[in-house]
Amino acid sequence: MTKSPRLAAVSVLTGALLSIPPLPASQADAARPADRAGSPGPSDAASPQAAPGLGLPGPSRGRARPGEPVGRPRLSPPGPGTGGLTPAVHLLAESRTDRERLMRWWTPARMRRALPLDGLVAGEPAGRPVLGGRPAETPASAPSTGAAWTSGGKVARTTGRVFFTYAGRPASCSGDAVAGASQSTVITAGHCVRLDGAWHTDWVFVPAYHDGQAPYGKWTATRTLTTPQWEAREDLDYDVGAAMVAPQDGRTLTSVVGGQGIAFNQPRHRPMYAFGYPAEAPYDGSRLVYCSGTTKDDKKTHDVGLTCDMTAGSSGGPWFLGFDARTGAGTQNSVNSFKYDAAPKDMFGPYFGAAVKALYDKAQNT
């Protein structure tokens, strides 16, 4: 049977996604400190992650989902474009009080416990990712299908983990700080800001994350955005999101960590580097990992592909053209998005065309 794409989780699925009801409102509220007025969110000891069997909404009726053996979901007509639509924008923690509460809530322990979103969506076990050893370390200039990045440079500062609440649970993805007029833009996957028709809450970006540590701070999102195609039908060809993060101590994100370049409508079949924070075995989300090689076309979508072993949690991590392994600088041109069950060695990412450019431009003026 033909398998459909799924978000960037590697374990092979044998059936449809779990259909489990969402948390009751009382439990979900306890996991959302930035949405509540008053006291900060509960401590780690008082607020464990949701018990197994809770927190995963079932598939929407009448719509295919990544991971289900029902064919390619929500494919757009050929020729990616904006379709005359504008990017979707969602307001988050706008007040200083909410932002401060949110930074306190995302403790090192809670960040370590956050499950990769892709694993939750795929119906993976709800426990802590099993440690399967450390990724191999190779020279930065050598081809990689999933080695730890140990060469530092700009990419080690601009790339980070993204944390948020999904269906009442702490979840994680990856993201990258990009240059722009706002000096506050994080680019990630669309499903890392919105999924199943709902926007994620309690969204923070932690550049240069390492084992619960935030060496450059935790940057709270005041707005998240996605393409109109992802908002309307969760089309994997347009699985791109962005977040605008608030300044800290009067400084913007890119003034602290720098910002990578970004480009649109570029030629295909070019050498690229992909980065992310995979959090399922053999990875544990504590280290930056990379893949490199020449991209290829996905025959079922408009997306581009790269041989890459990264697992769940790497979604939203950046792909770079013209990447300089000595300086860690490049031009972002895609994000980690999904894999096929039948081809777990290949990662796919959306082509950065007109719709993604419109998203980026909107972020600079929001």
Protein backbone atom coordinates (compact mmCIF):
# COMPACT_ATOMS: atom_id res chain seq x y z
CA MET A 1 0.00 0.00 0.00
CA THR A 2 1.30 3.45 -0.85
CA LYS A 3 2.33 5.42 2.18
CA SER A 4 1.65 9.13 2.52
CA PRO A 5 4.10 11.72 3.84
CA ARG A 6 4.31 12.41 7.53
CA LEU A 7 5.92 15.09 9.64
CA ALA A 8 9.59 14.56 10.34
CA ALA A 9 9.40 11.43 12.51
CA VAL A 10 11.37 8.39 11.46
CA SER A 11 9.72 5.35 13.11
CA VAL A 12 7.70 3.44 10.52
CA LEU A 13 3.96 3.72 11.05
CA THR A 14 1.69 0.75 10.44
CA GLY A 15 -1.70 2.41 10.63
CA ALA A 16 -3.63 5.63 11.02
CA LEU A 17 -2.86 8.21 13.66
CA LEU A 18 -4.21 7.67 17.12
CA SER A 19 -7.62 9.14 17.72
CA ILE A 20 -7.47 10.32 21.30
CA PRO A 21 -9.60 13.11 22.78
CA PRO A 22 -7.95 16.39 23.80
CA LEU A 23 -7.31 17.32 27.39
CA PRO A 24 -10.26 18.66 29.39
CA ALA A 25 -10.22 22.44 29.58
CA SER A 26 -9.16 22.43 33.23
CA GLN A 27 -6.05 20.34 32.49
CA ALA A 28 -5.18 22.17 29.30
CA ASP A 29 -5.33 25.54 31.06
CA ALA A 30 -2.82 24.37 33.63
CA ALA A 31 -0.31 23.84 30.86
CA ARG A 32 -0.72 27.30 29.34
CA PRO A 33 0.82 29.95 31.58
CA ALA A 34 0.95 32.70 28.96
CA ASP A 35 -2.80 32.47 28.37
CA ARG A 36 -3.74 33.06 31.98
CA ALA A 37 -3.71 36.16 34.11
CA GLY A 38 -2.49 36.02 37.67
CA SER A 39 0.12 33.68 39.13
CA PRO A 40 2.85 31.96 37.13
CA GLY A 41 2.40 28.45 35.77
CA PRO A 42 2.80 25.57 38.20
CA SER A 43 6.24 24.26 39.06
CA ASP A 44 7.73 21.18 37.47
CA ALA A 45 6.92 19.08 40.49
CA ALA A 46 3.28 20.18 40.52
CA SER A 47 2.70 19.96 36.76
CA PRO A 48 3.94 16.74 35.15
CA GLN A 49 3.28 16.12 31.50
CA ALA A 50 -0.13 14.80 30.59
CA ALA A 51 -0.73 11.16 31.43
CA PRO A 52 -0.42 8.68 28.57
CA GLY A 53 -3.63 8.52 26.55
CA LEU A 54 -4.42 12.24 26.84
CA GLY A 55 -3.62 15.24 24.72
CA LEU A 56 -3.68 13.97 21.13
CA PRO A 57 -6.62 15.13 19.02
CA GLY A 58 -7.83 12.72 16.38
CA PRO A 59 -7.66 13.36 12.64
CA SER A 60 -10.17 15.82 11.25
CA ARG A 61 -13.07 14.11 9.52
CA GLY A 62 -12.81 13.88 5.78
CA ARG A 63 -9.16 14.99 5.60
CA ALA A 64 -6.08 12.90 5.05
CA ARG A 65 -3.25 13.29 7.52
CA PRO A 66 0.50 12.75 7.15
CA GLY A 67 1.14 9.21 8.32
CA GLU A 68 -2.15 7.69 7.17
CA PRO A 69 -2.05 5.09 4.36
CA VAL A 70 -4.56 6.94 2.23
CA GLY A 71 -2.43 8.71 -0.38
CA ARG A 72 -0.87 12.15 -0.69
CA PRO A 73 -2.78 14.69 1.44
CA ARG A 74 -3.76 18.18 0.30
CA LEU A 75 -1.55 18.62 -2.76
CA SER A 76 -1.81 22.05 -4.36
CA PRO A 77 -2.02 22.67 -8.12
CA PRO A 78 1.35 22.89 -9.93
CA GLY A 79 3.25 26.14 -9.72
CA PRO A 80 3.63 27.25 -6.10
CA GLY A 81 2.36 30.77 -5.51
CA THR A 82 0.40 32.87 -3.07
CA GLY A 83 -2.96 32.14 -4.66
CA GLY A 84 -3.89 35.76 -4.01
CA LEU A 85 -4.05 35.03 -0.27
CA THR A 86 -2.17 36.70 2.56
CA PRO A 87 -0.22 34.96 5.34
CA ALA A 88 -2.10 34.09 8.52
CA VAL A 89 -1.08 35.85 11.75
CA HIS A 90 -1.77 34.76 15.34
CA LEU A 91 -1.23 36.96 18.42
CA LEU A 92 0.53 35.47 21.43
CA ALA A 93 2.19 36.81 24.60
CA GLU A 94 2.05 40.54 23.93
CA SER A 95 2.30 41.82 27.51
CA ARG A 96 5.54 41.95 29.43
CA THR A 97 3.91 40.10 32.33
CA ASP A 98 2.91 37.19 30.11
CA ARG A 99 6.37 37.01 28.58
CA GLU A 100 8.12 36.97 31.93
CA ARG A 101 5.77 34.29 33.21
CA LEU A 102 6.41 32.22 30.12
CA MET A 103 10.20 32.43 30.47
CA ARG A 104 9.90 31.25 34.07
CA TRP A 105 7.62 28.39 33.07
CA TRP A 106 10.03 26.99 30.48
CA THR A 107 12.53 25.70 33.05
CA PRO A 108 15.51 23.53 32.05
CA ALA A 109 13.67 20.46 33.33
CA ARG A 110 10.52 21.25 31.34
CA MET A 111 12.51 21.89 28.17
CA ARG A 112 14.29 18.55 28.58
CA ARG A 113 10.94 16.79 29.00
CA ALA A 114 9.26 18.44 26.00
CA LEU A 115 8.36 15.78 23.43
CA PRO A 116 9.08 16.32 19.73
CA LEU A 117 5.85 17.45 18.09
CA ASP A 118 6.32 15.04 15.18
CA GLY A 119 6.37 12.06 17.52
CA LEU A 120 3.17 13.21 19.23
CA VAL A 121 1.41 13.63 15.90
CA ALA A 122 2.58 10.22 14.71
CA GLY A 123 1.22 8.54 17.80
CA GLU A 124 4.60 7.64 19.23
CA PRO A 125 4.89 6.62 22.91
CA ALA A 126 4.40 9.54 25.24
CA GLY A 127 7.49 8.96 27.36
CA ARG A 128 10.88 10.65 27.33
CA PRO A 129 12.81 9.91 24.12
CA VAL A 130 14.99 6.84 24.60
CA LEU A 131 18.65 7.72 24.55
CA GLY A 132 20.29 5.78 21.75
CA GLY A 133 23.83 7.09 21.95
CA ARG A 134 25.38 10.27 20.65
CA PRO A 135 25.47 11.14 16.95
CA ALA A 136 28.77 10.67 15.20
CA GLU A 137 31.10 13.63 14.85
CA THR A 138 32.57 14.32 11.41
CA PRO A 139 34.51 17.24 9.92
CA ALA A 140 32.14 20.06 9.00
CA SER A 141 33.26 19.94 5.38
CA ALA A 142 32.52 16.20 5.01
CA PRO A 143 29.14 14.92 3.79
CA SER A 144 26.80 14.08 6.67
CA THR A 145 23.47 12.30 7.01
CA GLY A 146 23.05 13.19 10.67
CA ALA A 147 26.27 14.02 12.53
CA ALA A 148 26.61 16.36 15.48
CA TRP A 149 27.67 19.86 14.48
CA THR A 150 30.85 20.65 16.43
CA SER A 151 32.34 23.46 14.33
CA GLY A 152 30.54 26.36 15.99
CA GLY A 153 30.21 29.50 13.90
CA LYS A 154 27.13 31.53 13.13
CA VAL A 155 24.80 28.57 12.66
CA ALA A 156 25.46 27.40 16.22
CA ARG A 157 24.00 30.71 17.45
CA THR A 158 21.14 31.28 15.02
CA THR A 159 19.71 27.74 15.11
CA GLY A 160 17.81 26.66 18.19
CA ARG A 161 14.99 24.63 19.64
CA VAL A 162 11.42 25.84 19.62
CA PHE A 163 9.18 25.03 22.59
CA PHE A 164 5.41 25.40 22.81
CA THR A 165 2.23 23.81 24.12
CA TYR A 166 0.40 21.42 21.78
CA ALA A 167 -2.88 19.84 22.95
CA GLY A 168 -1.92 20.50 26.57
CA ARG A 169 1.59 19.04 26.33
CA PRO A 170 5.05 20.64 26.20
CA ALA A 171 6.34 20.01 22.67
CA SER A 172 9.37 20.95 20.60
CA CYS A 173 10.59 21.69 17.08
CA SER A 174 13.60 23.53 15.63
CA GLY A 175 14.01 27.00 14.12
CA ASP A 176 16.44 29.61 12.83
CA ALA A 177 16.93 33.35 13.26
CA VAL A 178 17.03 35.17 9.92
CA ALA A 179 18.09 38.69 9.02
CA GLY A 180 15.43 41.27 8.23
CA ALA A 181 14.05 44.69 9.02
CA SER A 182 12.31 43.43 12.17
CA GLN A 183 15.52 41.89 13.56
CA SER A 184 13.19 39.47 15.37
CA THR A 185 12.19 36.78 12.87
CA VAL A 186 12.43 33.03 13.46
CA ILE A 187 11.71 30.73 10.51
CA THR A 188 10.37 27.24 11.25
CA ALA A 189 7.89 24.71 9.84
CA GLY A 190 4.22 25.57 9.52
CA HIS A 191 3.24 22.63 11.73
CA CYS A 192 5.53 24.06 14.42
CA VAL A 193 3.22 27.08 14.80
CA ARG A 194 -0.18 25.61 13.86
CA LEU A 195 -1.59 22.09 13.52
CA ASP A 196 -5.02 20.44 13.36
CA GLY A 197 -6.64 23.82 12.84
CA ALA A 198 -5.25 25.30 16.08
CA TRP A 199 -2.32 27.59 16.85
CA HIS A 200 0.28 26.46 19.37
CA THR A 201 0.60 28.48 22.58
CA ASP A 202 3.42 29.34 25.02
CA TRP A 203 5.86 29.63 22.09
CA VAL A 204 9.54 30.35 22.79
CA PHE A 205 12.74 30.14 20.75
CA VAL A 206 15.98 29.06 22.44
CA PRO A 207 18.99 29.72 20.16
CA ALA A 208 22.07 27.56 20.74
CA TYR A 209 20.07 25.29 23.05
CA HIS A 210 22.12 22.62 24.82
CA ASP A 211 20.78 20.11 27.33
CA GLY A 212 18.29 22.42 29.02
CA GLN A 213 20.51 25.48 28.81
CA ALA A 214 19.67 28.75 27.05
CA PRO A 215 23.00 30.56 26.60
CA TYR A 216 21.42 33.41 24.60
CA GLY A 217 18.12 33.52 26.44
CA LYS A 218 14.55 32.34 25.82
CA TRP A 219 12.80 34.51 23.25
CA THR A 220 9.02 34.64 23.56
CA ALA A 221 6.86 34.97 20.46
CA THR A 222 4.40 37.84 20.29
CA ARG A 223 3.08 36.62 16.92
CA THR A 224 3.30 33.48 14.87
CA LEU A 225 2.57 33.30 11.16
CA THR A 226 2.14 30.69 8.45
CA THR A 227 1.33 30.50 4.77
CA PRO A 228 -2.34 30.71 3.75
CA GLN A 229 -2.05 27.26 2.17
CA TRP A 230 -0.90 25.68 5.43
CA GLU A 231 -3.58 27.49 7.43
CA ALA A 232 -6.36 26.49 5.03
CA ARG A 233 -5.54 22.83 4.36
CA GLU A 234 -2.19 21.99 5.95
CA ASP A 235 -0.57 21.54 2.56
CA LEU A 236 2.94 20.12 2.96
CA ASP A 237 4.17 22.08 -0.05
CA TYR A 238 3.75 25.22 2.07
CA ASP A 239 4.72 23.87 5.50
CA VAL A 240 6.53 27.04 6.59
CA GLY A 241 5.98 29.18 9.67
CA ALA A 242 7.52 32.23 11.28
CA ALA A 243 7.54 33.83 14.69
CA MET A 244 8.16 37.39 15.78
CA VAL A 245 9.90 37.42 19.15
CA ALA A 246 9.99 40.20 21.70
CA PRO A 247 13.21 42.09 22.51
CA GLN A 248 15.13 41.30 25.68
CA ASP A 249 16.69 44.07 27.74
CA GLY A 250 16.19 46.43 24.81
CA ARG A 251 18.02 44.17 22.33
CA THR A 252 16.55 42.34 19.36
CA LEU A 253 17.13 38.68 18.54
CA THR A 254 19.49 39.18 15.61
CA SER A 255 21.47 41.86 17.42
CA VAL A 256 22.33 39.15 19.96
CA VAL A 257 22.78 35.98 17.87
CA GLY A 258 22.99 37.31 14.32
CA GLY A 259 20.68 36.44 11.44
CA GLN A 260 21.15 34.15 8.46
CA GLY A 261 20.31 35.29 4.95
CA ILE A 262 17.19 34.03 3.22
CA ALA A 263 16.38 33.59 -0.49
CA PHE A 264 13.39 32.67 -2.64
CA ASN A 265 12.73 31.21 -6.12
CA GLN A 266 16.19 29.68 -6.36
CA PRO A 267 17.30 26.90 -8.76
CA ARG A 268 16.89 23.33 -7.56
CA HIS A 269 19.37 20.43 -7.34
CA ARG A 270 21.98 22.38 -5.42
CA PRO A 271 24.28 21.47 -2.51
CA MET A 272 22.65 22.29 0.82
CA TYR A 273 23.17 21.85 4.55
CA ALA A 274 20.25 21.05 6.87
CA PHE A 275 20.28 21.58 10.65
CA GLY A 276 18.01 20.71 13.53
CA TYR A 277 17.58 19.35 17.03
CA PRO A 278 16.26 15.79 16.55
CA ALA A 279 14.91 14.37 19.81
CA GLU A 280 14.13 10.72 19.08
CA ALA A 281 16.68 7.89 19.18
CA PRO A 282 19.53 7.89 18.42
CA TYR A 283 19.23 11.58 19.34
CA ASP A 284 17.94 13.18 22.52
CA GLY A 285 17.39 16.83 21.54
CA SER A 286 20.44 18.09 23.41
CA ARG A 287 22.71 18.80 20.43
CA LEU A 288 22.64 20.50 17.05
CA VAL A 289 22.80 17.96 14.19
CA TYR A 290 23.36 18.46 10.47
CA CYS A 291 23.00 16.77 7.09
CA SER A 292 24.60 17.82 3.82
CA GLY A 293 24.43 16.85 0.18
CA THR A 294 22.83 17.76 -3.14
CA THR A 295 19.06 18.15 -3.08
CA LYS A 296 16.67 16.24 -5.30
CA ASP A 297 13.05 16.66 -6.34
CA ASP A 298 10.22 14.83 -4.61
CA LYS A 299 8.21 13.14 -7.36
CA LYS A 300 4.94 13.41 -5.42
CA THR A 301 5.13 17.05 -4.34
CA HIS A 302 6.78 20.36 -5.23
CA ASP A 303 9.20 19.88 -2.32
CA VAL A 304 12.94 19.26 -2.31
CA GLY A 305 14.67 16.29 -0.68
CA LEU A 306 17.96 15.54 1.05
CA THR A 307 19.39 12.29 2.40
CA CYS A 308 19.14 12.79 6.16
CA ASP A 309 18.72 10.58 9.23
CA MET A 310 17.43 13.29 11.57
CA THR A 311 14.41 12.24 13.60
CA ALA A 312 11.38 13.87 15.23
CA GLY A 313 12.08 17.27 16.74
CA SER A 314 14.18 18.41 13.77
CA SER A 315 11.10 19.86 12.02
CA GLY A 316 11.54 23.55 11.28
CA GLY A 317 15.32 23.39 11.24
CA PRO A 318 16.94 25.41 8.42
CA TRP A 319 18.31 24.33 5.05
CA PHE A 320 21.07 26.53 3.64
CA LEU A 321 22.39 27.33 0.20
CA GLY A 322 25.98 28.55 -0.13
CA PHE A 323 26.77 27.37 3.38
CA ASP A 324 30.30 28.13 4.58
CA ALA A 325 31.37 25.40 6.99
CA ARG A 326 34.19 27.60 8.31
CA THR A 327 32.01 30.52 9.37
CA GLY A 328 28.64 28.77 9.82
CA ALA A 329 26.91 31.31 7.57
CA GLY A 330 24.54 30.54 4.71
CA THR A 331 21.33 31.53 2.96
CA GLN A 332 18.20 29.79 4.22
CA ASN A 333 16.14 28.20 1.45
CA SER A 334 13.95 25.51 3.10
CA VAL A 335 13.10 23.82 6.41
CA ASN A 336 12.89 20.23 7.64
CA SER A 337 9.26 19.24 7.01
CA PHE A 338 8.44 15.56 6.48
CA LYS A 339 9.53 12.04 5.55
CA TYR A 340 7.82 9.10 3.87
CA ASP A 341 7.26 5.96 5.91
CA ALA A 342 8.75 3.89 3.09
CA ALA A 343 11.85 6.11 2.73
CA PRO A 344 13.03 7.13 6.22
CA LYS A 345 16.48 8.08 4.95
CA ASP A 346 15.15 11.07 3.00
CA MET A 347 14.02 14.37 4.51
CA PHE A 348 11.86 16.76 2.49
CA GLY A 349 11.36 20.49 2.77
CA PRO A 350 9.12 23.04 1.03
CA TYR A 351 10.38 25.03 -1.93
CA PHE A 352 10.79 28.68 -0.94
CA GLY A 353 8.74 30.41 -3.62
CA ALA A 354 6.30 33.32 -3.77
CA ALA A 355 4.14 32.17 -0.85
CA VAL A 356 7.12 31.90 1.50
CA LYS A 357 8.45 35.27 0.36
CA ALA A 358 5.05 36.79 1.18
CA LEU A 359 5.24 35.17 4.61
CA TYR A 360 8.71 36.57 5.25
CA ASP A 361 7.68 40.04 4.04
CA LYS A 362 4.61 39.97 6.28
CA ALA A 363 6.79 39.09 9.25
CA GLN A 364 8.94 42.19 8.66
CA ASN A 365 5.86 44.41 8.81
CA THR A 366 3.78 42.79 11.56
